[in-house]
N, C-alpha and C. Protein backbone atom coordinates (compact mmCIF):
# COMPACT_ATOMS: atom_id res chain seq x y z
N MET A 1 -92.27 68.31 64.77
CA MET A 1 -91.25 67.38 65.21
C MET A 1 -91.81 66.57 66.38
N PRO A 2 -92.21 65.34 66.13
CA PRO A 2 -92.88 64.56 67.18
C PRO A 2 -92.00 64.20 68.37
N VAL A 3 -90.72 63.95 68.18
CA VAL A 3 -89.87 63.54 69.31
C VAL A 3 -89.69 64.68 70.31
N PRO A 4 -89.26 65.90 69.88
CA PRO A 4 -89.16 66.99 70.87
C PRO A 4 -90.50 67.30 71.55
N SER A 5 -91.59 67.20 70.81
CA SER A 5 -92.91 67.44 71.41
C SER A 5 -93.21 66.43 72.50
N ARG A 6 -92.88 65.17 72.24
CA ARG A 6 -93.12 64.13 73.24
C ARG A 6 -92.21 64.32 74.44
N PHE A 7 -90.94 64.70 74.20
CA PHE A 7 -90.05 64.99 75.32
C PHE A 7 -90.63 66.10 76.19
N SER A 8 -91.04 67.19 75.57
CA SER A 8 -91.58 68.34 76.31
C SER A 8 -92.83 67.96 77.09
N SER A 9 -93.70 67.15 76.48
CA SER A 9 -94.93 66.77 77.17
C SER A 9 -94.66 65.88 78.38
N HIS A 10 -93.46 65.29 78.45
CA HIS A 10 -93.08 64.47 79.60
C HIS A 10 -92.13 65.21 80.54
N GLY A 11 -92.01 66.52 80.37
CA GLY A 11 -91.27 67.32 81.33
C GLY A 11 -89.80 67.54 81.05
N LEU A 12 -89.29 67.05 79.90
CA LEU A 12 -87.91 67.34 79.54
C LEU A 12 -87.85 68.72 78.91
N THR A 13 -86.88 69.52 79.30
CA THR A 13 -86.69 70.84 78.71
C THR A 13 -85.64 70.72 77.61
N ILE A 14 -86.04 70.96 76.37
CA ILE A 14 -85.11 70.92 75.24
C ILE A 14 -84.31 72.21 75.27
N ILE A 15 -82.98 72.10 75.34
CA ILE A 15 -82.15 73.30 75.41
C ILE A 15 -81.38 73.56 74.11
N GLU A 16 -81.31 72.54 73.24
CA GLU A 16 -80.60 72.75 71.97
C GLU A 16 -80.96 71.64 71.00
N VAL A 17 -81.14 72.02 69.74
CA VAL A 17 -81.33 71.08 68.63
C VAL A 17 -80.35 71.51 67.55
N HIS A 18 -79.50 70.58 67.10
CA HIS A 18 -78.54 70.95 66.06
C HIS A 18 -78.09 69.72 65.28
N ASN A 19 -77.37 69.97 64.21
CA ASN A 19 -76.73 68.90 63.46
C ASN A 19 -75.26 69.25 63.30
N HIS A 20 -74.46 68.30 62.86
CA HIS A 20 -73.02 68.51 62.74
C HIS A 20 -72.56 68.64 61.30
N ILE A 21 -73.23 68.00 60.38
CA ILE A 21 -72.80 67.97 58.99
C ILE A 21 -73.96 68.45 58.12
N LEU A 22 -73.69 69.34 57.19
CA LEU A 22 -74.76 69.93 56.39
C LEU A 22 -75.43 68.96 55.42
N TYR A 23 -74.68 68.06 54.83
CA TYR A 23 -75.24 67.23 53.76
C TYR A 23 -75.23 65.74 54.07
N GLU A 24 -75.33 65.38 55.33
CA GLU A 24 -75.31 63.97 55.70
C GLU A 24 -76.62 63.30 55.29
N GLN A 25 -76.55 62.02 54.98
CA GLN A 25 -77.72 61.22 54.66
C GLN A 25 -77.60 59.90 55.39
N PRO A 26 -78.52 59.49 56.20
CA PRO A 26 -79.73 60.23 56.56
C PRO A 26 -79.38 61.43 57.44
N ARG A 27 -80.28 62.39 57.44
CA ARG A 27 -80.07 63.63 58.20
C ARG A 27 -80.20 63.35 59.69
N LEU A 28 -79.22 63.73 60.48
CA LEU A 28 -79.22 63.49 61.92
C LEU A 28 -79.32 64.81 62.68
N PHE A 29 -80.13 64.81 63.72
CA PHE A 29 -80.23 65.97 64.60
C PHE A 29 -79.95 65.51 66.02
N TYR A 30 -79.28 66.35 66.77
CA TYR A 30 -78.94 66.07 68.15
C TYR A 30 -79.79 66.94 69.07
N LEU A 31 -80.36 66.31 70.08
CA LEU A 31 -81.20 67.02 71.06
C LEU A 31 -80.47 67.04 72.39
N HIS A 32 -80.33 68.22 72.96
CA HIS A 32 -79.80 68.35 74.32
C HIS A 32 -80.98 68.73 75.20
N PHE A 33 -81.09 68.09 76.33
CA PHE A 33 -82.25 68.33 77.20
C PHE A 33 -81.80 68.37 78.65
N TRP A 34 -82.73 68.83 79.50
CA TRP A 34 -82.47 68.98 80.93
C TRP A 34 -83.69 68.50 81.70
N LYS A 35 -83.44 67.78 82.78
CA LYS A 35 -84.52 67.32 83.64
C LYS A 35 -83.95 67.08 85.02
N THR A 36 -84.63 67.51 86.03
CA THR A 36 -84.23 67.21 87.40
C THR A 36 -85.21 66.23 88.01
N GLY A 37 -84.81 65.60 89.09
CA GLY A 37 -85.68 64.65 89.76
C GLY A 37 -85.09 63.25 89.71
N GLN A 38 -85.93 62.28 89.97
CA GLN A 38 -85.50 60.89 89.97
C GLN A 38 -85.12 60.43 88.56
N ALA A 39 -84.21 59.50 88.46
CA ALA A 39 -83.72 59.03 87.17
C ALA A 39 -84.81 58.36 86.33
N THR A 40 -85.83 57.85 86.97
CA THR A 40 -86.88 57.17 86.20
C THR A 40 -87.70 58.13 85.35
N ALA A 41 -87.84 59.39 85.78
CA ALA A 41 -88.64 60.36 85.03
C ALA A 41 -88.03 60.67 83.66
N PRO A 42 -86.74 61.02 83.56
CA PRO A 42 -86.18 61.23 82.23
C PRO A 42 -86.13 59.94 81.40
N ALA A 43 -85.95 58.80 82.06
CA ALA A 43 -85.93 57.54 81.32
C ALA A 43 -87.27 57.29 80.65
N ARG A 44 -88.36 57.55 81.35
CA ARG A 44 -89.70 57.39 80.76
C ARG A 44 -89.93 58.39 79.63
N ALA A 45 -89.45 59.61 79.81
CA ALA A 45 -89.60 60.62 78.77
C ALA A 45 -88.81 60.24 77.52
N LEU A 46 -87.60 59.73 77.71
CA LEU A 46 -86.80 59.28 76.57
C LEU A 46 -87.48 58.14 75.84
N ARG A 47 -88.02 57.20 76.59
CA ARG A 47 -88.73 56.07 75.97
C ARG A 47 -89.91 56.57 75.14
N ALA A 48 -90.67 57.53 75.67
CA ALA A 48 -91.82 58.08 74.95
C ALA A 48 -91.37 58.77 73.66
N GLY A 49 -90.25 59.48 73.72
CA GLY A 49 -89.73 60.14 72.52
C GLY A 49 -89.22 59.15 71.51
N LEU A 50 -88.50 58.15 71.96
CA LEU A 50 -87.96 57.14 71.04
C LEU A 50 -89.07 56.33 70.39
N ASP A 51 -90.18 56.16 71.10
CA ASP A 51 -91.32 55.45 70.51
C ASP A 51 -91.90 56.18 69.31
N GLN A 52 -91.60 57.46 69.15
CA GLN A 52 -92.08 58.23 68.01
C GLN A 52 -91.26 57.96 66.74
N LEU A 53 -90.08 57.36 66.91
CA LEU A 53 -89.22 57.08 65.77
C LEU A 53 -89.64 55.80 65.08
N GLN A 54 -89.46 55.75 63.79
CA GLN A 54 -89.70 54.52 63.03
C GLN A 54 -88.36 54.03 62.52
N VAL A 55 -87.75 53.14 63.29
CA VAL A 55 -86.44 52.61 62.95
C VAL A 55 -86.63 51.23 62.35
N VAL A 56 -86.03 50.98 61.20
CA VAL A 56 -86.18 49.71 60.50
C VAL A 56 -84.88 48.93 60.58
N GLY A 57 -84.97 47.67 60.92
CA GLY A 57 -83.83 46.78 60.88
C GLY A 57 -82.85 46.92 62.02
N MET A 58 -83.27 47.46 63.15
CA MET A 58 -82.35 47.62 64.27
C MET A 58 -82.85 46.90 65.52
N GLY A 59 -83.78 45.95 65.37
CA GLY A 59 -84.23 45.17 66.51
C GLY A 59 -85.15 45.88 67.47
N VAL A 60 -85.83 46.93 67.02
CA VAL A 60 -86.71 47.67 67.92
C VAL A 60 -88.05 46.98 68.09
N ASP A 61 -88.33 45.96 67.32
CA ASP A 61 -89.61 45.28 67.42
C ASP A 61 -89.73 44.44 68.68
N ASP A 62 -88.63 44.22 69.39
CA ASP A 62 -88.69 43.41 70.61
C ASP A 62 -88.78 44.28 71.85
N ARG A 63 -89.42 45.45 71.72
CA ARG A 63 -89.62 46.34 72.87
C ARG A 63 -90.55 45.70 73.87
N GLN A 64 -90.38 46.05 75.13
CA GLN A 64 -91.23 45.55 76.20
C GLN A 64 -92.52 46.31 76.26
């Protein structure tokens, strides 16, 4: 799982991974995480994790 791995490598502690519906399509998973410190540190970690996703048709190509 590349997103949780990237979160962990940036210092976010994953405390829970779960889904809500058994047969949803597309399959969605929710990550709960914990991080202390300045707000910029978790923001950078989230950006690194989101960069691992391949989202089509949602305007992600205009990233900075």
